[in-house]
Protein backbone atom coordinates (compact mmCIF):
# COMPACT_ATOMS: atom_id res chain seq x y z
CA UNK A 1 0.02 0.03 -0.02
CA UNK A 2 1.16 3.42 -0.88
CA UNK A 3 1.21 6.86 1.01
CA UNK A 4 -0.67 9.78 -0.34
CA UNK A 5 0.90 13.06 0.38
CA UNK A 6 -1.84 15.37 1.84
CA UNK A 7 -0.18 18.71 2.47
CA UNK A 8 -1.37 20.66 5.52
CA UNK A 9 -2.03 24.33 5.22
CA UNK A 10 1.11 25.28 7.16
CA UNK A 11 3.23 23.10 4.89
CA UNK A 12 1.94 25.07 1.80
CA UNK A 13 2.44 28.44 3.43
CA UNK A 14 6.11 27.48 4.35
CA UNK A 15 6.83 26.13 0.95
CA UNK A 16 5.34 29.09 -0.78
CA UNK A 17 7.31 31.54 1.45
CA UNK A 18 10.62 29.63 0.64
CA UNK A 19 9.80 29.56 -3.20
CA UNK A 20 8.64 33.12 -3.17
CA UNK A 21 11.86 34.41 -1.33
CA UNK A 22 14.23 32.33 -3.30
CA UNK A 23 12.73 33.90 -6.82
CA UNK A 24 14.64 37.10 -5.91
CA UNK A 25 11.80 39.35 -6.99
CA UNK A 26 11.38 37.80 -10.44
CA UNK A 27 8.13 39.15 -12.12
CA UNK A 28 5.57 38.12 -13.09
CA UNK A 29 4.96 35.09 -11.09
CA UNK A 30 2.38 32.30 -10.78
CA UNK A 31 1.90 30.02 -7.95
CA UNK A 32 -0.82 27.33 -7.27
CA UNK A 33 -1.33 26.55 -3.72
CA UNK A 34 -3.45 23.63 -2.36
CA UNK A 35 -3.94 22.11 1.06
CA UNK A 36 -5.90 19.36 2.43
CA UNK A 37 -7.94 21.56 4.84
CA UNK A 38 -10.86 21.14 5.47
CA UNK A 39 -11.11 17.51 4.66
CA UNK A 40 -11.47 14.10 6.20
CA UNK A 41 -10.03 13.42 8.60
CA UNK A 42 -11.12 16.56 10.31
CA UNK A 43 -8.00 16.88 12.57
CA UNK A 44 -6.78 20.41 13.03
CA UNK A 45 -3.59 20.95 14.62
CA UNK A 46 -3.03 21.85 18.32
CA UNK A 47 -4.41 25.14 19.44
CA UNK A 48 -7.46 24.99 17.02
CA UNK A 49 -10.06 23.41 19.30
CA UNK A 50 -11.97 26.69 19.99
CA UNK A 51 -15.33 25.17 18.74
CA UNK A 52 -15.43 21.97 20.38
CA UNK A 53 -17.69 21.47 23.26
CA UNK A 54 -15.45 20.62 26.18
CA UNK A 55 -18.28 18.49 27.77
CA UNK A 56 -18.51 16.11 24.64
CA UNK A 57 -17.01 12.76 25.48
CA UNK A 58 -18.58 10.87 22.58
CA UNK A 59 -17.01 8.66 19.90
CA UNK A 60 -16.63 11.44 17.16
CA UNK A 61 -12.88 12.25 16.84
CA UNK A 62 -12.86 13.60 13.19
CA UNK A 63 -11.56 10.35 11.77
CA UNK A 64 -13.33 8.77 8.79
CA UNK A 65 -13.88 5.62 11.02
CA UNK A 66 -15.85 7.71 13.65
CA UNK A 67 -18.44 8.90 10.97
CA UNK A 68 -20.45 5.61 11.54
CA UNK A 69 -20.62 6.54 15.19
CA UNK A 70 -22.44 9.83 14.52
CA UNK A 71 -25.81 9.02 16.11
CA UNK A 72 -26.74 11.97 18.32
CA UNK A 73 -26.99 15.81 17.85
CA UNK A 74 -23.96 16.05 20.09
CA UNK A 75 -22.04 13.85 17.62
CA UNK A 76 -23.06 15.64 14.77
CA UNK A 77 -22.05 19.12 16.46
CA UNK A 78 -18.64 17.58 17.48
CA UNK A 79 -18.04 16.71 13.60
CA UNK A 80 -19.10 20.07 12.67
CA UNK A 81 -16.85 21.81 15.12
CA UNK A 82 -13.79 20.04 13.98
CA UNK A 83 -14.53 20.94 10.30
CA UNK A 84 -14.99 24.54 11.37
CA UNK A 85 -11.64 24.31 13.16
CA UNK A 86 -10.01 23.07 10.06
CA UNK A 87 -11.54 26.14 8.18
CA UNK A 88 -10.16 28.54 10.84
CA UNK A 89 -6.81 26.88 10.62
CA UNK A 90 -6.70 27.15 6.90
CA UNK A 91 -7.74 30.81 6.80
CA UNK A 92 -5.12 31.71 9.33
CA UNK A 93 -2.42 30.11 7.00
CA UNK A 94 -3.92 31.67 4.02
CA UNK A 95 -3.69 34.93 5.99
CA UNK A 96 -0.05 34.36 6.73
CA UNK A 97 0.64 33.85 2.94
CA UNK A 98 -1.05 37.19 2.20
CA UNK A 99 0.87 38.84 4.92
CA UNK A 100 4.15 37.52 3.38
CA UNK A 101 3.05 38.90 -0.14
CA UNK A 102 2.21 42.25 1.73
CA UNK A 103 5.35 42.55 3.56
CA UNK A 104 7.30 41.95 0.28
CA UNK A 105 5.39 44.72 -1.50
CA UNK A 106 3.71 42.36 -3.89
CA UNK A 107 0.17 41.95 -2.63
CA UNK A 108 -1.25 44.98 -4.32
CA UNK A 109 0.22 43.89 -7.41
CA UNK A 110 -1.05 40.27 -7.43
CA UNK A 111 -4.30 38.58 -8.42
CA UNK A 112 -5.32 36.03 -5.77
CA UNK A 113 -8.04 33.52 -6.38
CA UNK A 114 -9.33 31.22 -3.70
CA UNK A 115 -11.50 28.43 -4.45
CA UNK A 116 -12.89 25.33 -2.80
CA UNK A 117 -13.14 21.94 -4.60
CA UNK A 118 -16.29 20.83 -2.94
CA UNK A 119 -18.48 21.15 0.02
CA UNK A 120 -19.21 18.68 2.82
CA UNK A 121 -22.61 17.40 4.03
CA UNK A 122 -23.56 17.23 7.64
CA UNK A 123 -26.71 15.23 7.38
CA UNK A 124 -28.66 17.71 5.29
CA UNK A 125 -29.89 14.93 2.96
CA UNK A 126 -29.13 11.93 5.34
CA UNK A 127 -25.40 11.81 4.35
CA UNK A 128 -22.11 12.86 5.68
CA UNK A 129 -18.90 14.27 3.84
CA UNK A 130 -19.04 14.26 0.05
CA UNK A 131 -18.78 12.31 -3.13
CA UNK A 132 -22.26 10.85 -3.19
CA UNK A 133 -24.66 13.48 -4.82
CA UNK A 134 -24.75 16.74 -6.46
CA UNK A 135 -26.66 18.54 -3.44
CA UNK A 136 -26.24 22.38 -2.83
CA UNK A 137 -24.06 21.79 0.32
CA UNK A 138 -21.61 19.85 -2.00
CA UNK A 139 -21.68 21.88 -5.00
CA UNK A 140 -21.59 25.38 -3.70
CA UNK A 141 -18.03 26.28 -2.91
CA UNK A 142 -15.95 29.63 -2.18
CA UNK A 143 -14.82 31.40 -5.38
CA UNK A 144 -13.24 34.74 -4.43
CA UNK A 145 -10.93 36.77 -6.58
CA UNK A 146 -8.88 39.62 -5.01
CA UNK A 147 -7.73 41.91 -7.93
CA UNK A 148 -4.62 43.73 -7.98
CA UNK A 149 -4.58 47.22 -6.42
CA UNK A 150 -6.08 49.92 -8.36
CA UNK A 151 -8.73 47.70 -9.75
CA UNK A 152 -12.25 47.76 -8.23
CA UNK A 153 -13.65 44.51 -6.97
CA UNK A 154 -17.10 43.49 -8.03
CA UNK A 155 -19.75 41.00 -7.04
CA UNK A 156 -20.72 38.62 -9.74
CA UNK A 157 -24.44 37.54 -9.20
CA UNK A 158 -24.66 35.23 -12.16
CA UNK A 159 -24.05 31.47 -12.10
CA UNK A 160 -20.23 30.59 -12.12
CA UNK A 161 -18.34 27.50 -11.93
CA UNK A 162 -14.72 26.35 -11.16
CA UNK A 163 -14.26 26.14 -14.90
CA UNK A 164 -14.43 29.90 -14.91
CA UNK A 165 -11.05 30.07 -13.08
CA UNK A 166 -8.94 29.79 -16.15
CA UNK A 167 -10.82 32.28 -18.18
CA UNK A 168 -10.76 34.82 -15.27
CA UNK A 169 -6.92 34.31 -15.07
CA UNK A 170 -6.60 34.84 -18.89
CA UNK A 171 -8.82 38.07 -18.63
CA UNK A 172 -6.64 39.43 -15.81
CA UNK A 173 -3.33 38.66 -17.52
CA UNK A 174 -4.02 39.47 -20.99
CA UNK A 175 -7.12 41.65 -21.08
CA UNK A 176 -8.85 39.42 -23.27
């Protein structure tokens, strides 16, 4: 059996900082950063247990195996809390990446796009996690673009999809 590398958010942030600093100011640049958070197992690092009920002593520990033990409302809330903690952890690491770009004087000159690949279900349709049906809670994902400084951000109210990422990059970089 093989091992699959699932990079944590801090691993990506550290690798980006290293790569960014080694490129010695070369412009333009392109970076694609991806982490496993939030994803099963819901196992945020230490210090990110701020949403858990300290009184909970049930079987849900965020592992895939513990999913079959989600029987009560408290179990489901314990699972959701771990998911939210992973989101918080990922957001803080992303913030560190932005801070690094800013301190290098590059953030205002950089197009940043943040997307999610899928959502997760928490019993909305009698299922947990993802990969089983195209329900709203699985298909609706974050898709946020932060334009370079001097450009006015706008909200898009029409239907978009992750396939719109490449044309958006093309439009920003070539004006086409």
